C-alpha atoms as a PDB file:
ATOM      1  CA  UNK A   1      21.719  54.321 206.811  1.00  0.00           C
ATOM      2  CA  UNK A   2      22.835  50.715 206.477  1.00  0.00           C
ATOM      3  CA  UNK A   3      25.859  49.907 208.628  1.00  0.00           C
ATOM      4  CA  UNK A   4      28.595  47.627 207.348  1.00  0.00           C
ATOM      5  CA  UNK A   5      29.963  46.393 210.686  1.00  0.00           C
ATOM      6  CA  UNK A   6      33.409  47.172 212.035  1.00  0.00           C
ATOM      7  CA  UNK A   7      35.894  48.893 209.716  1.00  0.00           C
ATOM      8  CA  UNK A   8      39.493  50.098 210.097  1.00  0.00           C
ATOM      9  CA  UNK A   9      40.280  53.816 209.745  1.00  0.00           C
ATOM     10  CA  UNK A  10      43.417  55.775 208.866  1.00  0.00           C
ATOM     11  CA  UNK A  11      43.210  57.123 212.416  1.00  0.00           C
ATOM     12  CA  UNK A  12      44.551  53.665 213.499  1.00  0.00           C
ATOM     13  CA  UNK A  13      41.386  52.343 215.132  1.00  0.00           C
ATOM     14  CA  UNK A  14      38.348  50.235 214.318  1.00  0.00           C
ATOM     15  CA  UNK A  15      34.877  51.803 214.169  1.00  0.00           C
ATOM     16  CA  UNK A  16      31.388  50.315 214.275  1.00  0.00           C
ATOM     17  CA  UNK A  17      28.664  52.873 213.598  1.00  0.00           C
ATOM     18  CA  UNK A  18      25.818  52.206 216.030  1.00  0.00           C
ATOM     19  CA  UNK A  19      23.673  55.285 215.370  1.00  0.00           C
ATOM     20  CA  UNK A  20      24.391  57.961 212.769  1.00  0.00           C
ATOM     21  CA  UNK A  21      21.436  59.007 210.649  1.00  0.00           C
ATOM     22  CA  UNK A  22      19.869  62.185 209.281  1.00  0.00           C
ATOM     23  CA  UNK A  23      16.723  61.158 211.189  1.00  0.00           C
ATOM     24  CA  UNK A  24      18.630  61.930 214.418  1.00  0.00           C
ATOM     25  CA  UNK A  25      20.910  64.889 213.558  1.00  0.00           C
ATOM     26  CA  UNK A  26      21.513  65.817 217.193  1.00  0.00           C
ATOM     27  CA  UNK A  27      23.871  62.945 218.012  1.00  0.00           C
ATOM     28  CA  UNK A  28      25.720  59.877 216.760  1.00  0.00           C
ATOM     29  CA  UNK A  29      27.217  56.900 218.571  1.00  0.00           C
ATOM     30  CA  UNK A  30      30.070  54.703 217.366  1.00  0.00           C
ATOM     31  CA  UNK A  31      31.902  51.830 219.051  1.00  0.00           C
ATOM     32  CA  UNK A  32      35.655  52.383 218.768  1.00  0.00           C
ATOM     33  CA  UNK A  33      38.353  49.755 219.292  1.00  0.00           C
ATOM     34  CA  UNK A  34      42.076  50.512 219.648  1.00  0.00           C
ATOM     35  CA  UNK A  35      44.523  47.614 219.724  1.00  0.00           C
ATOM     36  CA  UNK A  36      47.189  47.290 222.467  1.00  0.00           C
ATOM     37  CA  UNK A  37      50.143  49.657 222.028  1.00  0.00           C
ATOM     38  CA  UNK A  38      48.418  51.748 219.338  1.00  0.00           C
ATOM     39  CA  UNK A  39      48.097  55.544 219.483  1.00  0.00           C
ATOM     40  CA  UNK A  40      45.464  57.147 217.263  1.00  0.00           C
ATOM     41  CA  UNK A  41      46.449  60.066 215.032  1.00  0.00           C
ATOM     42  CA  UNK A  42      46.077  63.633 216.260  1.00  0.00           C
ATOM     43  CA  UNK A  43      42.770  64.932 214.930  1.00  0.00           C
ATOM     44  CA  UNK A  44      39.916  67.313 215.770  1.00  0.00           C
ATOM     45  CA  UNK A  45      36.280  67.776 214.891  1.00  0.00           C
ATOM     46  CA  UNK A  46      34.938  71.077 213.536  1.00  0.00           C
ATOM     47  CA  UNK A  47      31.602  72.095 215.021  1.00  0.00           C
ATOM     48  CA  UNK A  48      31.213  68.785 216.853  1.00  0.00           C
ATOM     49  CA  UNK A  49      31.689  67.973 220.538  1.00  0.00           C
ATOM     50  CA  UNK A  50      32.716  64.418 221.322  1.00  0.00           C
ATOM     51  CA  UNK A  51      32.448  62.272 224.437  1.00  0.00           C
ATOM     52  CA  UNK A  52      34.240  58.981 224.974  1.00  0.00           C
ATOM     53  CA  UNK A  53      32.630  56.478 227.325  1.00  0.00           C
ATOM     54  CA  UNK A  54      35.252  53.838 228.087  1.00  0.00           C
ATOM     55  CA  UNK A  55      33.757  50.328 228.034  1.00  0.00           C
ATOM     56  CA  UNK A  56      36.878  48.201 228.563  1.00  0.00           C
ATOM     57  CA  UNK A  57      40.651  48.357 228.579  1.00  0.00           C
ATOM     58  CA  UNK A  58      42.853  51.204 229.665  1.00  0.00           C
ATOM     59  CA  UNK A  59      44.505  54.074 227.931  1.00  0.00           C
ATOM     60  CA  UNK A  60      45.960  57.549 228.008  1.00  0.00           C
ATOM     61  CA  UNK A  61      43.838  60.399 226.621  1.00  0.00           C
ATOM     62  CA  UNK A  62      45.424  63.567 225.257  1.00  0.00           C
ATOM     63  CA  UNK A  63      43.346  66.673 224.549  1.00  0.00           C
ATOM     64  CA  UNK A  64      45.061  69.833 223.341  1.00  0.00           C
ATOM     65  CA  UNK A  65      47.604  71.135 225.820  1.00  0.00           C
ATOM     66  CA  UNK A  66      45.974  69.497 228.853  1.00  0.00           C
ATOM     67  CA  UNK A  67      48.086  66.979 230.780  1.00  0.00           C
ATOM     68  CA  UNK A  68      47.552  63.404 229.538  1.00  0.00           C
ATOM     69  CA  UNK A  69      44.888  61.546 231.528  1.00  0.00           C
ATOM     70  CA  UNK A  70      44.696  57.835 232.308  1.00  0.00           C
ATOM     71  CA  UNK A  71      41.312  56.325 231.389  1.00  0.00           C
ATOM     72  CA  UNK A  72      39.655  52.974 232.067  1.00  0.00           C
ATOM     73  CA  UNK A  73      36.220  51.333 232.097  1.00  0.00           C
ATOM     74  CA  UNK A  74      33.476  53.673 233.292  1.00  0.00           C
ATOM     75  CA  UNK A  75      35.355  56.915 232.565  1.00  0.00           C
ATOM     76  CA  UNK A  76      33.813  59.659 230.438  1.00  0.00           C
ATOM     77  CA  UNK A  77      36.019  62.075 228.509  1.00  0.00           C
ATOM     78  CA  UNK A  78      34.653  65.361 227.113  1.00  0.00           C
ATOM     79  CA  UNK A  79      36.376  66.648 223.966  1.00  0.00           C
ATOM     80  CA  UNK A  80      35.278  70.134 222.890  1.00  0.00           C
ATOM     81  CA  UNK A  81      34.957  71.043 219.218  1.00  0.00           C
ATOM     82  CA  UNK A  82      38.281  71.915 217.517  1.00  0.00           C
ATOM     83  CA  UNK A  83      40.457  70.499 220.338  1.00  0.00           C
ATOM     84  CA  UNK A  84      43.299  68.282 219.087  1.00  0.00           C
ATOM     85  CA  UNK A  85      42.902  64.794 220.493  1.00  0.00           C
ATOM     86  CA  UNK A  86      44.340  61.309 220.454  1.00  0.00           C
ATOM     87  CA  UNK A  87      44.221  58.219 222.656  1.00  0.00           C
ATOM     88  CA  UNK A  88      46.774  55.489 223.356  1.00  0.00           C
ATOM     89  CA  UNK A  89      45.936  51.953 224.408  1.00  0.00           C
ATOM     90  CA  UNK A  90      48.284  51.376 227.363  1.00  0.00           C
ATOM     91  CA  UNK A  91      46.883  47.988 228.390  1.00  0.00           C
ATOM     92  CA  UNK A  92      47.333  44.385 227.249  1.00  0.00           C
ATOM     93  CA  UNK A  93      43.777  44.116 225.819  1.00  0.00           C
ATOM     94  CA  UNK A  94      41.779  46.130 223.298  1.00  0.00           C
ATOM     95  CA  UNK A  95      40.654  49.577 224.467  1.00  0.00           C
ATOM     96  CA  UNK A  96      36.945  49.842 223.624  1.00  0.00           C
ATOM     97  CA  UNK A  97      34.802  52.942 223.995  1.00  0.00           C
ATOM     98  CA  UNK A  98      31.710  54.660 222.683  1.00  0.00           C
ATOM     99  CA  UNK A  99      32.346  57.871 220.760  1.00  0.00           C
ATOM    100  CA  UNK A 100      29.258  60.040 221.163  1.00  0.00           C
ATOM    101  CA  UNK A 101      29.172  63.121 218.925  1.00  0.00           C
ATOM    102  CA  UNK A 102      26.878  66.144 219.143  1.00  0.00           C
ATOM    103  CA  UNK A 103      25.706  67.047 216.602  1.00  0.00           C
ATOM    104  CA  UNK A 104      26.074  63.741 214.772  1.00  0.00           C
ATOM    105  CA  UNK A 105      29.451  62.879 213.232  1.00  0.00           C
ATOM    106  CA  UNK A 106      30.037  63.893 209.639  1.00  0.00           C
ATOM    107  CA  UNK A 107      33.236  63.132 207.742  1.00  0.00           C
ATOM    108  CA  UNK A 108      33.296  66.826 206.753  1.00  0.00           C
ATOM    109  CA  UNK A 109      33.906  67.711 210.436  1.00  0.00           C
ATOM    110  CA  UNK A 110      36.976  65.460 210.741  1.00  0.00           C
ATOM    111  CA  UNK A 111      40.452  67.038 210.474  1.00  0.00           C
ATOM    112  CA  UNK A 112      43.596  64.936 210.568  1.00  0.00           C
ATOM    113  CA  UNK A 113      45.985  67.586 211.839  1.00  0.00           C
ATOM    114  CA  UNK A 114      49.387  66.006 212.380  1.00  0.00           C
ATOM    115  CA  UNK A 115      51.102  62.991 213.778  1.00  0.00           C
ATOM    116  CA  UNK A 116      53.325  64.734 216.306  1.00  0.00           C
ATOM    117  CA  UNK A 117      52.860  66.465 219.665  1.00  0.00           C
ATOM    118  CA  UNK A 118      50.664  69.548 219.849  1.00  0.00           C
ATOM    119  CA  UNK A 119      52.828  72.493 218.738  1.00  0.00           C
ATOM    120  CA  UNK A 120      53.587  75.267 221.222  1.00  0.00           C
END
C-alpha cells in the first residue's frame, strides 16, 4: 500500500497511515491529529479493537457510557469493538496520538453513528 501522507477525514481529524497492509492483517497503526477545540464525531468499529497512545497534547476521551476521561502524553486508551467513541482536544496545541487497530483497520469496519451524546 502506498501512503499519501496526512489527510483530513469527515470524523474531524487528520490521519497519516503508518502501517496498514494485507501483509500484516493482525494490526494497523495510524497517526491521528485533532486540532484545538475540535471534537471528533461519535463512531465505532465493527470487529476491530482500537488503542490510542497519546503522543502529545491533552484531551477528553469518551467511550460508550463510561465517564469521560482526561488524557495526555503517555496515556493508553483501550476501545473495545462496537463501543461508541469520540475524543475532544481540550488543550491549546494539537492532540496527537497513534491509533492502533487489531485486526487492521478497514473502512468497512467504520460506523459513523451520530453526532450527539450516547442515547440512554
